[in-house]
Amino acid sequence: MADTSTQSIQVHAPLDRVAAVICDFPQYPQWADAMKEVEVIEEYEDGYASQVRYVIDAGVMADEYTLQYEYAEDLSRVEWHLVAPSKTQKSQRGSYDLADNGDGTTTVTYTLEVELAIGMLGMFRRKAEKMIMDTALKQLKRRVESLAEA
């Protein structure tokens, strides 16, 4: 059974800059530690990625999988789902919801629902999810804000 987790973080950058980093999948290995390889397999007519293949190694978990993406017209929401089961995941659904705070900052809410193909005690799974989400949001914030300073 899949559990859903949600976390938010405030990023000191406008929504369009945050969305640009989220949608620039080939750059993920430069700033997301677990991402070893990221490849856009298919694109929509507007140039946004529709399918992206990932090779990750997060120490305790390594996997290769493909996600299908959909976008809100104003990029305030980017959502995805697992195309086919992988070595460690039966399913994955997630989203980034971006809210313009009106002061040059953006609140990013990350929601993730994963059903693992391997057994894991609920307590350990929740701890792993929290760590993955925490790391993902902090690394996203650091990347966006470092680009804003450049």
Protein backbone atom coordinates (compact mmCIF):
# COMPACT_ATOMS: atom_id res chain seq x y z
CA MET A 1 0.00 0.00 0.00
CA ALA A 2 1.26 3.48 -0.90
CA ASP A 3 1.63 6.23 1.68
CA THR A 4 1.47 9.91 0.78
CA SER A 5 3.89 12.41 2.29
CA THR A 6 3.89 16.19 1.88
CA GLN A 7 6.48 18.82 2.82
CA SER A 8 6.89 22.50 1.97
CA ILE A 9 9.78 24.95 1.82
CA GLN A 10 10.05 28.67 1.07
CA VAL A 11 12.48 29.58 -1.73
CA HIS A 12 13.84 33.12 -2.10
CA ALA A 13 13.11 33.37 -5.83
CA PRO A 14 10.07 34.01 -8.03
CA LEU A 15 7.85 31.14 -9.16
CA ASP A 16 9.12 31.17 -12.76
CA ARG A 17 12.73 30.70 -11.63
CA VAL A 18 11.77 27.79 -9.34
CA ALA A 19 9.74 26.18 -12.14
CA ALA A 20 12.66 26.57 -14.57
CA VAL A 21 14.97 24.59 -12.24
CA ILE A 22 12.34 21.89 -11.63
CA CYS A 23 11.76 21.48 -15.39
CA ASP A 24 15.47 21.38 -16.31
CA PHE A 25 15.79 17.62 -15.77
CA PRO A 26 19.20 17.06 -17.46
CA GLN A 27 20.77 19.38 -14.84
CA TYR A 28 19.51 17.36 -11.85
CA PRO A 29 22.76 15.34 -11.42
CA GLN A 30 24.60 18.66 -10.88
CA TRP A 31 22.62 19.51 -7.75
CA ALA A 32 20.58 16.49 -6.61
CA ASP A 33 23.00 14.12 -4.88
CA ALA A 34 21.11 10.85 -5.50
CA MET A 35 20.62 11.52 -9.22
CA LYS A 36 23.40 9.79 -11.14
CA GLU A 37 21.84 10.01 -14.61
CA VAL A 38 18.75 11.83 -15.90
CA GLU A 39 17.63 11.64 -19.52
CA VAL A 40 14.62 13.23 -21.22
CA ILE A 41 13.17 10.45 -23.40
CA GLU A 42 10.13 12.27 -24.83
CA GLU A 43 8.98 15.88 -25.03
CA TYR A 44 5.66 17.59 -25.60
CA GLU A 45 5.28 19.95 -28.58
CA ASP A 46 6.05 22.92 -26.29
CA GLY A 47 9.46 21.44 -25.42
CA TYR A 48 8.66 20.36 -21.86
CA ALA A 49 9.65 16.81 -20.93
CA SER A 50 6.87 14.25 -21.03
CA GLN A 51 8.98 11.20 -20.05
CA VAL A 52 12.22 11.24 -18.08
CA ARG A 53 14.46 8.28 -17.22
CA TYR A 54 16.31 8.35 -13.88
CA VAL A 55 19.22 6.37 -12.50
CA ILE A 56 19.49 7.01 -8.77
CA ASP A 57 21.79 5.85 -6.02
CA ALA A 58 20.78 7.04 -2.58
CA GLY A 59 23.11 4.71 -0.73
CA VAL A 60 20.47 2.45 0.82
CA MET A 61 18.51 2.39 -2.44
CA ALA A 62 19.56 2.31 -6.08
CA ASP A 63 17.04 2.20 -8.91
CA GLU A 64 16.33 3.01 -12.54
CA TYR A 65 12.86 4.17 -13.56
CA THR A 66 10.89 6.40 -15.96
CA LEU A 67 8.39 9.08 -14.95
CA GLN A 68 5.61 10.64 -17.05
CA TYR A 69 5.15 14.40 -16.43
CA GLU A 70 2.26 16.84 -16.77
CA TYR A 71 2.31 20.58 -16.17
CA ALA A 72 -0.14 23.32 -15.25
CA GLU A 73 -0.23 25.99 -17.96
CA ASP A 74 1.33 28.56 -15.60
CA LEU A 75 3.80 25.96 -14.20
CA SER A 76 2.34 26.35 -10.71
CA ARG A 77 2.03 22.54 -10.63
CA VAL A 78 4.27 19.82 -12.02
CA GLU A 79 3.04 16.29 -11.46
CA TRP A 80 4.30 12.85 -12.40
CA HIS A 81 3.71 9.12 -12.18
CA LEU A 82 5.81 6.01 -12.68
CA VAL A 83 5.47 4.64 -16.23
CA ALA A 84 6.20 0.99 -15.28
CA PRO A 85 7.24 -0.78 -12.09
CA SER A 86 10.98 -0.70 -11.35
CA LYS A 87 13.32 -2.85 -9.30
CA THR A 88 12.25 -1.14 -6.05
CA GLN A 89 8.95 0.64 -6.84
CA LYS A 90 5.50 -0.68 -7.74
CA SER A 91 4.14 2.83 -8.19
CA GLN A 92 5.07 6.47 -7.69
CA ARG A 93 2.97 9.60 -7.95
CA GLY A 94 4.15 13.03 -7.03
CA SER A 95 3.85 16.74 -7.56
CA TYR A 96 5.44 20.09 -6.94
CA ASP A 97 2.91 22.82 -6.19
CA LEU A 98 4.36 26.33 -6.45
CA ALA A 99 2.71 29.30 -4.75
CA ASP A 100 3.86 32.88 -5.41
CA ASN A 101 3.99 34.61 -2.03
CA GLY A 102 3.86 38.09 -3.60
CA ASP A 103 7.18 39.14 -2.07
CA GLY A 104 9.64 37.53 -4.50
CA THR A 105 9.52 34.19 -2.69
CA THR A 106 7.81 30.96 -3.66
CA THR A 107 6.44 28.23 -1.42
CA VAL A 108 7.17 24.81 -2.90
CA THR A 109 5.00 21.93 -1.69
CA TYR A 110 6.32 18.48 -2.59
CA THR A 111 3.89 15.58 -2.41
CA LEU A 112 5.09 12.03 -2.95
CA GLU A 113 3.28 8.69 -2.92
CA VAL A 114 5.42 5.60 -3.41
CA GLU A 115 4.51 1.94 -3.22
CA LEU A 116 7.67 -0.08 -2.77
CA ALA A 117 8.26 -3.44 -4.42
CA ILE A 118 10.36 -4.46 -1.42
CA GLY A 119 9.08 -4.94 2.10
CA MET A 120 9.94 -2.23 4.61
CA LEU A 121 8.55 -1.58 8.07
CA GLY A 122 6.26 1.45 8.11
CA MET A 123 8.42 3.28 10.64
CA PHE A 124 11.54 2.93 8.44
CA ARG A 125 9.63 3.79 5.27
CA ARG A 126 8.29 7.02 6.79
CA LYS A 127 11.77 7.95 8.02
CA ALA A 128 13.23 7.28 4.55
CA GLU A 129 10.44 9.31 2.86
CA LYS A 130 11.04 12.24 5.20
CA MET A 131 14.77 12.14 4.53
CA ILE A 132 14.28 11.91 0.74
CA MET A 133 11.76 14.78 0.70
CA ASP A 134 13.82 16.91 3.09
CA THR A 135 16.93 16.45 0.97
CA ALA A 136 15.08 17.06 -2.32
CA LEU A 137 13.52 20.31 -1.10
CA LYS A 138 16.72 21.63 0.49
CA GLN A 139 18.77 20.82 -2.62
CA LEU A 140 16.14 22.46 -4.86
CA LYS A 141 16.14 25.58 -2.66
CA ARG A 142 19.95 25.75 -2.68
CA ARG A 143 20.09 25.33 -6.49
CA VAL A 144 17.42 27.98 -7.23
CA GLU A 145 18.85 30.50 -4.77
CA SER A 146 22.44 29.96 -5.98
CA LEU A 147 21.33 30.67 -9.57
CA ALA A 148 19.58 33.84 -8.37
CA GLU A 149 22.85 35.06 -6.85
CA ALA A 150 24.91 34.29 -9.97
